[in-house]
């Protein structure tokens, strides 16, 4: 089976499993799990931030950040394609009691002018107070596209001028860092909080880390407990994260190459229309003519290739560390045969 449904379907390698089996553990709610403490410190230092908080999922780390930055009745500014709005179960409303200002960016990427124009007048009692800007990098529904650092710097300037916090949903941030050849520390200088996911391109079974200053993470730890995210001997999971940060970042370039090759094969067919620009490991393509997204997914499944449709016109493939060069070649041959 060749599984392109998501980079969350990865299986841990033998080396990662060995790291997990040998992890030293303790009770993390008491702050006594040495492996979790090591992971949190390692991730924070990587981005030049003071502290980290290990969470079971990226959804939880994002939701903790939103709640920590806001008060009920505030407004969160984000793109309409953002994961925090599209795929987190209405968590902004449920957890933080905030409204959302949705913007229409370029494949999910915002500009400083867009953000500036969306900020409410804080003296207008009819409007919620604009409190937080959330960016996503890479943008899942934008086909894995990445921000330019200069664009983020301009957005940060708008946030500072208007007293807004800036959060990054960095579920696939390492893909962006590799593709754009950017430094993690640059992001730590720009964002008030960052969520990094370990269970996507980096290949761990579970986990994300929320990063920020010490006061923010202390507040986040309390919120995590309220959300039921307090874990005990979870160093077994954190060990996979340490292994991933040490071994699985640079190899992401292979996934980007494989995604580009698959996109080129799709573009050469008569049943594929527009393909969103492929920068990292995600391919989103419009299906037309003799196939619908559903029938194309079914045709690929007959060749034991899994993917799915993301809209009534589009399909998505996500490349990851369990997709080998041979699997990519086999997939391209199947696409050509259709």
C-alpha atoms as a PDB file:
ATOM      1  CA  UNK A   1       0.000   0.000   0.000  1.00  0.00           C
ATOM      2  CA  UNK A   2       1.246   3.465  -0.979  1.00  0.00           C
ATOM      3  CA  UNK A   3      -0.437   5.932   1.359  1.00  0.00           C
ATOM      4  CA  UNK A   4      -0.542   9.591   0.304  1.00  0.00           C
ATOM      5  CA  UNK A   5      -3.517  10.558   2.497  1.00  0.00           C
ATOM      6  CA  UNK A   6      -1.358  12.520   4.940  1.00  0.00           C
ATOM      7  CA  UNK A   7       2.103  12.735   6.449  1.00  0.00           C
ATOM      8  CA  UNK A   8       0.434  11.736   9.722  1.00  0.00           C
ATOM      9  CA  UNK A   9       0.296   8.082   8.614  1.00  0.00           C
ATOM     10  CA  UNK A  10       4.039   7.530   9.037  1.00  0.00           C
ATOM     11  CA  UNK A  11       5.355   4.609  11.031  1.00  0.00           C
ATOM     12  CA  UNK A  12       8.348   5.013  13.391  1.00  0.00           C
ATOM     13  CA  UNK A  13      11.618   3.586  12.131  1.00  0.00           C
ATOM     14  CA  UNK A  14      13.515   0.926  14.050  1.00  0.00           C
ATOM     15  CA  UNK A  15      15.995   3.549  15.255  1.00  0.00           C
ATOM     16  CA  UNK A  16      13.181   5.748  16.528  1.00  0.00           C
ATOM     17  CA  UNK A  17      11.556   2.791  18.276  1.00  0.00           C
ATOM     18  CA  UNK A  18      14.852   1.987  19.981  1.00  0.00           C
ATOM     19  CA  UNK A  19      15.085   5.570  21.220  1.00  0.00           C
ATOM     20  CA  UNK A  20      11.566   5.288  22.603  1.00  0.00           C
ATOM     21  CA  UNK A  21      12.264   1.973  24.332  1.00  0.00           C
ATOM     22  CA  UNK A  22      15.354   3.317  26.064  1.00  0.00           C
ATOM     23  CA  UNK A  23      13.775   6.617  27.202  1.00  0.00           C
ATOM     24  CA  UNK A  24      14.077   7.627  30.841  1.00  0.00           C
ATOM     25  CA  UNK A  25      10.658   8.614  32.149  1.00  0.00           C
ATOM     26  CA  UNK A  26       8.980  10.255  35.119  1.00  0.00           C
ATOM     27  CA  UNK A  27       5.713  11.998  35.942  1.00  0.00           C
ATOM     28  CA  UNK A  28       5.459  14.984  33.617  1.00  0.00           C
ATOM     29  CA  UNK A  29       2.578  16.601  35.525  1.00  0.00           C
ATOM     30  CA  UNK A  30       5.083  16.914  38.378  1.00  0.00           C
ATOM     31  CA  UNK A  31       7.679  18.137  35.872  1.00  0.00           C
ATOM     32  CA  UNK A  32       9.739  15.010  36.506  1.00  0.00           C
ATOM     33  CA  UNK A  33       9.963  13.355  33.102  1.00  0.00           C
ATOM     34  CA  UNK A  34      13.589  13.969  32.038  1.00  0.00           C
ATOM     35  CA  UNK A  35      12.989  13.104  28.388  1.00  0.00           C
ATOM     36  CA  UNK A  36      10.059  15.496  28.037  1.00  0.00           C
ATOM     37  CA  UNK A  37      12.079  18.192  29.767  1.00  0.00           C
ATOM     38  CA  UNK A  38      14.931  17.556  27.326  1.00  0.00           C
ATOM     39  CA  UNK A  39      12.624  17.761  24.299  1.00  0.00           C
ATOM     40  CA  UNK A  40      10.996  20.987  25.489  1.00  0.00           C
ATOM     41  CA  UNK A  41      14.376  22.606  26.139  1.00  0.00           C
ATOM     42  CA  UNK A  42      15.829  21.336  22.871  1.00  0.00           C
ATOM     43  CA  UNK A  43      12.944  22.703  20.790  1.00  0.00           C
ATOM     44  CA  UNK A  44      12.942  26.037  22.619  1.00  0.00           C
ATOM     45  CA  UNK A  45      16.689  26.505  22.123  1.00  0.00           C
ATOM     46  CA  UNK A  46      16.373  25.614  18.452  1.00  0.00           C
ATOM     47  CA  UNK A  47      14.017  28.584  17.944  1.00  0.00           C
ATOM     48  CA  UNK A  48      15.742  30.880  20.419  1.00  0.00           C
ATOM     49  CA  UNK A  49      12.767  30.917  22.770  1.00  0.00           C
ATOM     50  CA  UNK A  50      12.706  30.451  26.523  1.00  0.00           C
ATOM     51  CA  UNK A  51      10.470  27.429  27.053  1.00  0.00           C
ATOM     52  CA  UNK A  52       8.410  24.661  25.504  1.00  0.00           C
ATOM     53  CA  UNK A  53       5.333  22.604  26.328  1.00  0.00           C
ATOM     54  CA  UNK A  54       4.907  19.047  25.003  1.00  0.00           C
ATOM     55  CA  UNK A  55       1.321  18.401  23.863  1.00  0.00           C
ATOM     56  CA  UNK A  56      -0.457  15.344  22.451  1.00  0.00           C
ATOM     57  CA  UNK A  57      -1.442  17.148  19.237  1.00  0.00           C
ATOM     58  CA  UNK A  58      -0.995  20.271  17.165  1.00  0.00           C
ATOM     59  CA  UNK A  59      -4.655  21.072  17.615  1.00  0.00           C
ATOM     60  CA  UNK A  60      -4.159  21.185  21.384  1.00  0.00           C
ATOM     61  CA  UNK A  61      -1.013  23.299  21.172  1.00  0.00           C
ATOM     62  CA  UNK A  62      -2.743  25.773  18.842  1.00  0.00           C
ATOM     63  CA  UNK A  63      -5.816  25.959  21.043  1.00  0.00           C
ATOM     64  CA  UNK A  64      -3.714  26.466  24.178  1.00  0.00           C
ATOM     65  CA  UNK A  65      -1.905  29.332  22.451  1.00  0.00           C
ATOM     66  CA  UNK A  66      -5.123  31.014  21.332  1.00  0.00           C
ATOM     67  CA  UNK A  67      -6.621  30.800  24.815  1.00  0.00           C
ATOM     68  CA  UNK A  68      -3.424  32.049  26.457  1.00  0.00           C
ATOM     69  CA  UNK A  69      -3.239  35.083  24.162  1.00  0.00           C
ATOM     70  CA  UNK A  70      -6.898  36.149  24.332  1.00  0.00           C
ATOM     71  CA  UNK A  71      -9.853  36.984  26.553  1.00  0.00           C
ATOM     72  CA  UNK A  72     -13.465  35.930  25.826  1.00  0.00           C
ATOM     73  CA  UNK A  73     -14.966  38.297  23.274  1.00  0.00           C
ATOM     74  CA  UNK A  74     -11.656  39.080  21.564  1.00  0.00           C
ATOM     75  CA  UNK A  75     -11.073  38.454  17.865  1.00  0.00           C
ATOM     76  CA  UNK A  76      -8.514  36.233  16.133  1.00  0.00           C
ATOM     77  CA  UNK A  77      -7.322  37.237  12.661  1.00  0.00           C
ATOM     78  CA  UNK A  78      -6.358  34.401  10.298  1.00  0.00           C
ATOM     79  CA  UNK A  79      -6.699  33.215   6.724  1.00  0.00           C
ATOM     80  CA  UNK A  80      -9.888  31.427   5.739  1.00  0.00           C
ATOM     81  CA  UNK A  81      -7.845  28.293   4.923  1.00  0.00           C
ATOM     82  CA  UNK A  82      -6.206  28.165   8.362  1.00  0.00           C
ATOM     83  CA  UNK A  83      -6.108  24.854  10.185  1.00  0.00           C
ATOM     84  CA  UNK A  84      -7.150  26.595  13.424  1.00  0.00           C
ATOM     85  CA  UNK A  85     -10.441  27.527  11.708  1.00  0.00           C
ATOM     86  CA  UNK A  86     -10.998  24.661   9.267  1.00  0.00           C
ATOM     87  CA  UNK A  87      -9.901  21.581  11.207  1.00  0.00           C
ATOM     88  CA  UNK A  88      -9.962  22.169  14.944  1.00  0.00           C
ATOM     89  CA  UNK A  89     -13.627  21.491  15.661  1.00  0.00           C
ATOM     90  CA  UNK A  90     -14.650  25.080  16.368  1.00  0.00           C
ATOM     91  CA  UNK A  91     -12.106  25.155  19.163  1.00  0.00           C
ATOM     92  CA  UNK A  92     -11.643  28.929  19.005  1.00  0.00           C
ATOM     93  CA  UNK A  93     -15.292  29.352  20.016  1.00  0.00           C
ATOM     94  CA  UNK A  94     -15.442  26.427  22.436  1.00  0.00           C
ATOM     95  CA  UNK A  95     -12.166  26.994  24.273  1.00  0.00           C
ATOM     96  CA  UNK A  96     -11.574  30.730  24.018  1.00  0.00           C
ATOM     97  CA  UNK A  97     -15.014  32.239  23.302  1.00  0.00           C
ATOM     98  CA  UNK A  98     -13.440  34.397  20.602  1.00  0.00           C
ATOM     99  CA  UNK A  99     -14.720  35.496  17.226  1.00  0.00           C
ATOM    100  CA  UNK A 100     -12.670  35.098  14.061  1.00  0.00           C
ATOM    101  CA  UNK A 101     -11.873  37.529  11.251  1.00  0.00           C
ATOM    102  CA  UNK A 102     -11.261  35.428   8.153  1.00  0.00           C
ATOM    103  CA  UNK A 103      -9.084  36.867   5.406  1.00  0.00           C
ATOM    104  CA  UNK A 104      -8.641  35.722   1.816  1.00  0.00           C
ATOM    105  CA  UNK A 105      -4.897  35.441   1.334  1.00  0.00           C
ATOM    106  CA  UNK A 106      -2.727  34.030  -1.436  1.00  0.00           C
ATOM    107  CA  UNK A 107      -3.128  30.260  -1.050  1.00  0.00           C
ATOM    108  CA  UNK A 108      -3.508  30.856   2.680  1.00  0.00           C
ATOM    109  CA  UNK A 109      -0.655  33.345   3.088  1.00  0.00           C
ATOM    110  CA  UNK A 110      -1.483  36.820   4.419  1.00  0.00           C
ATOM    111  CA  UNK A 111       0.198  40.175   3.863  1.00  0.00           C
ATOM    112  CA  UNK A 112       0.786  43.016   6.303  1.00  0.00           C
ATOM    113  CA  UNK A 113      -1.756  45.202   4.497  1.00  0.00           C
ATOM    114  CA  UNK A 114      -4.431  42.510   4.812  1.00  0.00           C
ATOM    115  CA  UNK A 115      -3.799  42.241   8.537  1.00  0.00           C
ATOM    116  CA  UNK A 116      -3.694  46.010   9.024  1.00  0.00           C
ATOM    117  CA  UNK A 117      -7.032  46.485   7.240  1.00  0.00           C
ATOM    118  CA  UNK A 118      -8.663  43.764   9.388  1.00  0.00           C
ATOM    119  CA  UNK A 119      -7.823  45.272  12.775  1.00  0.00           C
ATOM    120  CA  UNK A 120     -10.854  46.707  14.563  1.00  0.00           C
ATOM    121  CA  UNK A 121     -10.880  50.124  16.183  1.00  0.00           C
ATOM    122  CA  UNK A 122     -10.409  49.285  19.885  1.00  0.00           C
ATOM    123  CA  UNK A 123     -12.550  52.296  20.823  1.00  0.00           C
ATOM    124  CA  UNK A 124     -15.536  51.041  18.837  1.00  0.00           C
ATOM    125  CA  UNK A 125     -17.713  49.179  21.357  1.00  0.00           C
ATOM    126  CA  UNK A 126     -19.645  47.522  18.520  1.00  0.00           C
ATOM    127  CA  UNK A 127     -16.618  45.479  17.460  1.00  0.00           C
ATOM    128  CA  UNK A 128     -14.610  42.773  19.220  1.00  0.00           C
ATOM    129  CA  UNK A 129     -11.083  43.706  20.192  1.00  0.00           C
ATOM    130  CA  UNK A 130      -8.534  42.428  17.690  1.00  0.00           C
ATOM    131  CA  UNK A 131      -6.065  40.554  19.883  1.00  0.00           C
ATOM    132  CA  UNK A 132      -4.246  37.837  17.954  1.00  0.00           C
ATOM    133  CA  UNK A 133      -2.952  37.154  14.453  1.00  0.00           C
ATOM    134  CA  UNK A 134      -2.359  33.512  13.576  1.00  0.00           C
ATOM    135  CA  UNK A 135      -0.331  32.432  10.555  1.00  0.00           C
ATOM    136  CA  UNK A 136       0.154  28.912   9.199  1.00  0.00           C
ATOM    137  CA  UNK A 137       3.435  27.825   7.608  1.00  0.00           C
ATOM    138  CA  UNK A 138       3.332  25.775   5.493  1.00  0.00           C
ATOM    139  CA  UNK A 139      -0.336  26.192   4.542  1.00  0.00           C
ATOM    140  CA  UNK A 140      -2.009  22.800   4.342  1.00  0.00           C
ATOM    141  CA  UNK A 141      -4.997  23.830   2.201  1.00  0.00           C
ATOM    142  CA  UNK A 142      -2.726  26.133   0.212  1.00  0.00           C
ATOM    143  CA  UNK A 143      -0.835  23.173  -1.203  1.00  0.00           C
ATOM    144  CA  UNK A 144       2.055  23.391   1.233  1.00  0.00           C
ATOM    145  CA  UNK A 145       3.076  26.914   0.231  1.00  0.00           C
ATOM    146  CA  UNK A 146       5.511  28.887   2.402  1.00  0.00           C
ATOM    147  CA  UNK A 147       5.873  32.429   3.696  1.00  0.00           C
ATOM    148  CA  UNK A 148       8.769  34.661   2.806  1.00  0.00           C
ATOM    149  CA  UNK A 149      10.486  35.827   5.982  1.00  0.00           C
ATOM    150  CA  UNK A 150      10.189  39.457   4.868  1.00  0.00           C
ATOM    151  CA  UNK A 151       6.389  39.121   4.674  1.00  0.00           C
ATOM    152  CA  UNK A 152       6.276  37.809   8.248  1.00  0.00           C
ATOM    153  CA  UNK A 153       8.537  40.650   9.397  1.00  0.00           C
ATOM    154  CA  UNK A 154       6.079  43.179   7.936  1.00  0.00           C
ATOM    155  CA  UNK A 155       3.133  41.452   9.615  1.00  0.00           C
ATOM    156  CA  UNK A 156       5.042  41.463  12.915  1.00  0.00           C
ATOM    157  CA  UNK A 157       5.547  45.203  12.585  1.00  0.00           C
ATOM    158  CA  UNK A 158       1.789  45.703  12.174  1.00  0.00           C
ATOM    159  CA  UNK A 159       1.165  43.538  15.247  1.00  0.00           C
ATOM    160  CA  UNK A 160       3.618  45.525  17.371  1.00  0.00           C
ATOM    161  CA  UNK A 161       2.132  48.855  16.271  1.00  0.00           C
ATOM    162  CA  UNK A 162      -1.383  47.682  17.123  1.00  0.00           C
ATOM    163  CA  UNK A 163      -0.559  45.689  20.274  1.00  0.00           C
ATOM    164  CA  UNK A 164      -1.522  42.311  18.791  1.00  0.00           C
ATOM    165  CA  UNK A 165       0.127  38.983  19.563  1.00  0.00           C
ATOM    166  CA  UNK A 166       1.425  36.819  16.716  1.00  0.00           C
ATOM    167  CA  UNK A 167       1.077  33.021  16.763  1.00  0.00           C
ATOM    168  CA  UNK A 168       2.433  30.496  14.271  1.00  0.00           C
ATOM    169  CA  UNK A 169       0.757  27.209  13.494  1.00  0.00           C
ATOM    170  CA  UNK A 170       3.975  25.551  12.382  1.00  0.00           C
ATOM    171  CA  UNK A 171       2.585  22.060  11.863  1.00  0.00           C
ATOM    172  CA  UNK A 172       4.851  21.721   8.825  1.00  0.00           C
ATOM    173  CA  UNK A 173       7.261  24.523   9.655  1.00  0.00           C
ATOM    174  CA  UNK A 174      10.322  22.336   9.153  1.00  0.00           C
ATOM    175  CA  UNK A 175       9.249  21.756   5.543  1.00  0.00           C
ATOM    176  CA  UNK A 176       9.239  25.532   5.095  1.00  0.00           C
ATOM    177  CA  UNK A 177      12.621  25.929   6.803  1.00  0.00           C
ATOM    178  CA  UNK A 178      14.182  23.349   4.491  1.00  0.00           C
ATOM    179  CA  UNK A 179      12.541  24.649   1.311  1.00  0.00           C
ATOM    180  CA  UNK A 180      13.249  28.329   1.984  1.00  0.00           C
ATOM    181  CA  UNK A 181      16.625  27.621   3.654  1.00  0.00           C
ATOM    182  CA  UNK A 182      15.542  29.687   6.632  1.00  0.00           C
ATOM    183  CA  UNK A 183      16.749  29.525  10.238  1.00  0.00           C
ATOM    184  CA  UNK A 184      14.495  28.408  13.079  1.00  0.00           C
ATOM    185  CA  UNK A 185      15.872  31.232  15.210  1.00  0.00           C
ATOM    186  CA  UNK A 186      14.446  33.793  12.782  1.00  0.00           C
ATOM    187  CA  UNK A 187      10.970  32.562  13.661  1.00  0.00           C
ATOM    188  CA  UNK A 188      11.643  32.728  17.371  1.00  0.00           C
ATOM    189  CA  UNK A 189      12.465  36.426  16.964  1.00  0.00           C
ATOM    190  CA  UNK A 190       9.187  37.153  15.168  1.00  0.00           C
ATOM    191  CA  UNK A 191       6.475  35.123  16.895  1.00  0.00           C
ATOM    192  CA  UNK A 192       5.074  35.343  20.411  1.00  0.00           C
ATOM    193  CA  UNK A 193       4.253  31.642  20.233  1.00  0.00           C
ATOM    194  CA  UNK A 194       5.007  28.785  17.857  1.00  0.00           C
ATOM    195  CA  UNK A 195       3.467  25.331  17.574  1.00  0.00           C
ATOM    196  CA  UNK A 196       5.689  22.730  15.917  1.00  0.00           C
ATOM    197  CA  UNK A 197       4.330  19.314  15.000  1.00  0.00           C
ATOM    198  CA  UNK A 198       6.490  16.216  15.360  1.00  0.00           C
ATOM    199  CA  UNK A 199       4.020  13.661  13.989  1.00  0.00           C
ATOM    200  CA  UNK A 200       3.887  14.870  10.377  1.00  0.00           C
ATOM    201  CA  UNK A 201       6.997  15.221   8.227  1.00  0.00           C
ATOM    202  CA  UNK A 202       9.308  14.395  11.118  1.00  0.00           C
ATOM    203  CA  UNK A 203       7.652  11.008  11.493  1.00  0.00           C
ATOM    204  CA  UNK A 204       6.913  10.581  15.209  1.00  0.00           C
ATOM    205  CA  UNK A 205       3.821   8.683  16.403  1.00  0.00           C
ATOM    206  CA  UNK A 206       2.439  11.517  18.575  1.00  0.00           C
ATOM    207  CA  UNK A 207       3.154  15.023  19.675  1.00  0.00           C
ATOM    208  CA  UNK A 208       3.640  18.750  19.181  1.00  0.00           C
ATOM    209  CA  UNK A 209       5.582  21.342  21.135  1.00  0.00           C
ATOM    210  CA  UNK A 210       4.273  24.815  21.954  1.00  0.00           C
ATOM    211  CA  UNK A 211       7.033  27.408  22.297  1.00  0.00           C
ATOM    212  CA  UNK A 212       7.154  30.855  23.885  1.00  0.00           C
ATOM    213  CA  UNK A 213       8.562  32.780  26.813  1.00  0.00           C
ATOM    214  CA  UNK A 214       8.514  31.338  30.329  1.00  0.00           C
ATOM    215  CA  UNK A 215       5.440  33.256  31.498  1.00  0.00           C
ATOM    216  CA  UNK A 216       3.455  32.228  28.413  1.00  0.00           C
ATOM    217  CA  UNK A 217       4.382  28.546  28.747  1.00  0.00           C
ATOM    218  CA  UNK A 218       3.547  28.600  32.468  1.00  0.00           C
ATOM    219  CA  UNK A 219       0.087  29.866  31.568  1.00  0.00           C
ATOM    220  CA  UNK A 220      -0.120  27.309  28.754  1.00  0.00           C
ATOM    221  CA  UNK A 221       0.726  24.459  31.115  1.00  0.00           C
ATOM    222  CA  UNK A 222      -2.309  25.300  33.243  1.00  0.00           C
ATOM    223  CA  UNK A 223      -4.527  25.454  30.149  1.00  0.00           C
ATOM    224  CA  UNK A 224      -3.149  22.104  28.952  1.00  0.00           C
ATOM    225  CA  UNK A 225      -4.141  20.572  32.279  1.00  0.00           C
ATOM    226  CA  UNK A 226      -7.672  21.977  31.982  1.00  0.00           C
ATOM    227  CA  UNK A 227      -7.943  20.512  28.473  1.00  0.00           C
ATOM    228  CA  UNK A 228      -6.911  17.078  29.772  1.00  0.00           C
ATOM    229  CA  UNK A 229      -3.475  17.219  28.206  1.00  0.00           C
ATOM    230  CA  UNK A 230      -1.463  16.524  31.334  1.00  0.00           C
ATOM    231  CA  UNK A 231       0.533  13.374  30.600  1.00  0.00           C
ATOM    232  CA  UNK A 232       2.448  11.125  32.968  1.00  0.00           C
ATOM    233  CA  UNK A 233       5.357   8.934  31.760  1.00  0.00           C
ATOM    234  CA  UNK A 234       5.143  10.349  28.249  1.00  0.00           C
ATOM    235  CA  UNK A 235       8.906  10.508  27.797  1.00  0.00           C
ATOM    236  CA  UNK A 236       8.491   7.418  25.638  1.00  0.00           C
ATOM    237  CA  UNK A 237       6.756   9.696  23.135  1.00  0.00           C
ATOM    238  CA  UNK A 238       9.093  12.634  23.677  1.00  0.00           C
ATOM    239  CA  UNK A 239      12.079  10.419  22.865  1.00  0.00           C
ATOM    240  CA  UNK A 240      10.680   9.999  19.363  1.00  0.00           C
ATOM    241  CA  UNK A 241      10.515  13.769  19.074  1.00  0.00           C
ATOM    242  CA  UNK A 242      14.159  14.178  20.113  1.00  0.00           C
ATOM    243  CA  UNK A 243      15.187  11.548  17.575  1.00  0.00           C
ATOM    244  CA  UNK A 244      13.156  13.295  14.866  1.00  0.00           C
ATOM    245  CA  UNK A 245      14.657  16.718  15.535  1.00  0.00           C
ATOM    246  CA  UNK A 246      18.144  15.219  15.406  1.00  0.00           C
ATOM    247  CA  UNK A 247      17.686  13.011  12.336  1.00  0.00           C
ATOM    248  CA  UNK A 248      14.624  13.768  10.207  1.00  0.00           C
ATOM    249  CA  UNK A 249      14.767  17.444   9.248  1.00  0.00           C
ATOM    250  CA  UNK A 250      17.233  17.569   6.346  1.00  0.00           C
ATOM    251  CA  UNK A 251      15.647  14.554   4.656  1.00  0.00           C
ATOM    252  CA  UNK A 252      12.447  16.587   4.073  1.00  0.00           C
ATOM    253  CA  UNK A 253      14.037  17.818   0.841  1.00  0.00           C
ATOM    254  CA  UNK A 254      13.487  14.298  -0.566  1.00  0.00           C
ATOM    255  CA  UNK A 255       9.752  14.612   0.083  1.00  0.00           C
ATOM    256  CA  UNK A 256       9.672  17.961  -1.698  1.00  0.00           C
ATOM    257  CA  UNK A 257      11.418  16.478  -4.733  1.00  0.00           C
ATOM    258  CA  UNK A 258       9.043  13.521  -4.842  1.00  0.00           C
ATOM    259  CA  UNK A 259       5.994  15.795  -4.598  1.00  0.00           C
ATOM    260  CA  UNK A 260       7.273  17.861  -7.528  1.00  0.00           C
ATOM    261  CA  UNK A 261       7.782  14.728  -9.620  1.00  0.00           C
ATOM    262  CA  UNK A 262       4.243  13.518  -8.929  1.00  0.00           C
ATOM    263  CA  UNK A 263       2.837  16.967  -9.740  1.00  0.00           C
ATOM    264  CA  UNK A 264       4.671  16.962 -13.077  1.00  0.00           C
ATOM    265  CA  UNK A 265       3.165  13.583 -13.923  1.00  0.00           C
ATOM    266  CA  UNK A 266      -0.330  14.791 -13.057  1.00  0.00           C
ATOM    267  CA  UNK A 267       0.124  17.976 -15.087  1.00  0.00           C
ATOM    268  CA  UNK A 268       0.961  15.911 -18.177  1.00  0.00           C
ATOM    269  CA  UNK A 269      -2.441  14.162 -18.186  1.00  0.00           C
ATOM    270  CA  UNK A 270      -5.676  15.254 -19.846  1.00  0.00           C
ATOM    271  CA  UNK A 271      -7.738  14.950 -16.651  1.00  0.00           C
ATOM    272  CA  UNK A 272      -5.859  17.371 -14.400  1.00  0.00           C
ATOM    273  CA  UNK A 273      -6.394  21.128 -14.517  1.00  0.00           C
ATOM    274  CA  UNK A 274      -4.857  23.608 -12.131  1.00  0.00           C
ATOM    275  CA  UNK A 275      -2.244  22.380  -9.647  1.00  0.00           C
ATOM    276  CA  UNK A 276      -1.425  24.641  -6.721  1.00  0.00           C
ATOM    277  CA  UNK A 277       2.259  25.618  -6.722  1.00  0.00           C
ATOM    278  CA  UNK A 278       4.226  22.714  -5.239  1.00  0.00           C
ATOM    279  CA  UNK A 279       6.866  24.031  -2.872  1.00  0.00           C
ATOM    280  CA  UNK A 280       7.041  21.330  -0.225  1.00  0.00           C
ATOM    281  CA  UNK A 281       5.420  17.913   0.274  1.00  0.00           C
ATOM    282  CA  UNK A 282       1.772  18.565  -0.654  1.00  0.00           C
ATOM    283  CA  UNK A 283       0.150  18.276  -4.079  1.00  0.00           C
ATOM    284  CA  UNK A 284      -3.373  19.663  -4.582  1.00  0.00           C
ATOM    285  CA  UNK A 285      -4.713  19.216  -8.098  1.00  0.00           C
ATOM    286  CA  UNK A 286      -7.998  19.954  -9.859  1.00  0.00           C
ATOM    287  CA  UNK A 287      -9.546  16.923 -11.559  1.00  0.00           C
ATOM    288  CA  UNK A 288     -11.570  17.465 -14.723  1.00  0.00           C
ATOM    289  CA  UNK A 289     -12.936  15.719 -17.799  1.00  0.00           C
ATOM    290  CA  UNK A 290     -13.243  11.932 -17.681  1.00  0.00           C
ATOM    291  CA  UNK A 291     -12.516  11.712 -13.953  1.00  0.00           C
ATOM    292  CA  UNK A 292     -14.078  13.244 -10.918  1.00  0.00           C
ATOM    293  CA  UNK A 293     -12.069  13.477  -7.710  1.00  0.00           C
ATOM    294  CA  UNK A 294     -14.017  10.502  -6.352  1.00  0.00           C
ATOM    295  CA  UNK A 295     -13.506   8.327  -9.421  1.00  0.00           C
ATOM    296  CA  UNK A 296      -9.810   9.254  -9.620  1.00  0.00           C
ATOM    297  CA  UNK A 297      -9.324   8.281  -5.966  1.00  0.00           C
ATOM    298  CA  UNK A 298     -11.115   5.003  -6.714  1.00  0.00           C
ATOM    299  CA  UNK A 299      -8.970   4.339  -9.787  1.00  0.00           C
ATOM    300  CA  UNK A 300      -5.783   4.880  -7.788  1.00  0.00           C
ATOM    301  CA  UNK A 301      -7.054   2.660  -4.979  1.00  0.00           C
ATOM    302  CA  UNK A 302      -7.320  -0.230  -7.435  1.00  0.00           C
ATOM    303  CA  UNK A 303      -3.534   0.019  -7.678  1.00  0.00           C
ATOM    304  CA  UNK A 304      -3.211   0.091  -3.847  1.00  0.00           C
ATOM    305  CA  UNK A 305      -2.481   3.818  -3.834  1.00  0.00           C
ATOM    306  CA  UNK A 306      -4.369   5.804  -1.191  1.00  0.00           C
ATOM    307  CA  UNK A 307      -5.249   9.499  -1.426  1.00  0.00           C
ATOM    308  CA  UNK A 308      -8.430  11.513  -1.016  1.00  0.00           C
ATOM    309  CA  UNK A 309     -10.386  14.480  -2.361  1.00  0.00           C
ATOM    310  CA  UNK A 310     -10.295  17.764  -0.460  1.00  0.00           C
ATOM    311  CA  UNK A 311     -13.158  19.417  -2.337  1.00  0.00           C
ATOM    312  CA  UNK A 312     -15.686  18.684  -5.056  1.00  0.00           C
ATOM    313  CA  UNK A 313     -12.990  19.393  -7.656  1.00  0.00           C
ATOM    314  CA  UNK A 314      -9.615  18.729  -5.993  1.00  0.00           C
ATOM    315  CA  UNK A 315      -7.516  15.808  -4.794  1.00  0.00           C
ATOM    316  CA  UNK A 316      -4.556  15.913  -2.420  1.00  0.00           C
ATOM    317  CA  UNK A 317      -1.401  13.832  -2.115  1.00  0.00           C
ATOM    318  CA  UNK A 318       1.045  14.263   0.762  1.00  0.00           C
ATOM    319  CA  UNK A 319       4.555  12.815   0.540  1.00  0.00           C
ATOM    320  CA  UNK A 320       6.368  11.657   3.681  1.00  0.00           C
ATOM    321  CA  UNK A 321       9.282   9.585   4.943  1.00  0.00           C
ATOM    322  CA  UNK A 322       7.504   6.270   4.352  1.00  0.00           C
ATOM    323  CA  UNK A 323       7.173   7.066   0.637  1.00  0.00           C
ATOM    324  CA  UNK A 324      10.210   5.679  -1.162  1.00  0.00           C
ATOM    325  CA  UNK A 325      11.574   6.610  -4.575  1.00  0.00           C
ATOM    326  CA  UNK A 326      10.250   3.297  -5.896  1.00  0.00           C
ATOM    327  CA  UNK A 327       6.775   4.138  -4.608  1.00  0.00           C
ATOM    328  CA  UNK A 328       6.952   7.509  -6.347  1.00  0.00           C
ATOM    329  CA  UNK A 329       8.005   5.852  -9.598  1.00  0.00           C
ATOM    330  CA  UNK A 330       5.183   3.309  -9.290  1.00  0.00           C
ATOM    331  CA  UNK A 331       2.673   6.087  -8.638  1.00  0.00           C
ATOM    332  CA  UNK A 332       3.840   8.053 -11.662  1.00  0.00           C
ATOM    333  CA  UNK A 333       3.525   4.946 -13.852  1.00  0.00           C
ATOM    334  CA  UNK A 334      -0.041   4.394 -12.633  1.00  0.00           C
ATOM    335  CA  UNK A 335      -0.939   8.020 -13.342  1.00  0.00           C
ATOM    336  CA  UNK A 336       0.460   7.671 -16.871  1.00  0.00           C
ATOM    337  CA  UNK A 337      -1.500   4.456 -17.395  1.00  0.00           C
ATOM    338  CA  UNK A 338      -4.788   6.179 -16.600  1.00  0.00           C
END
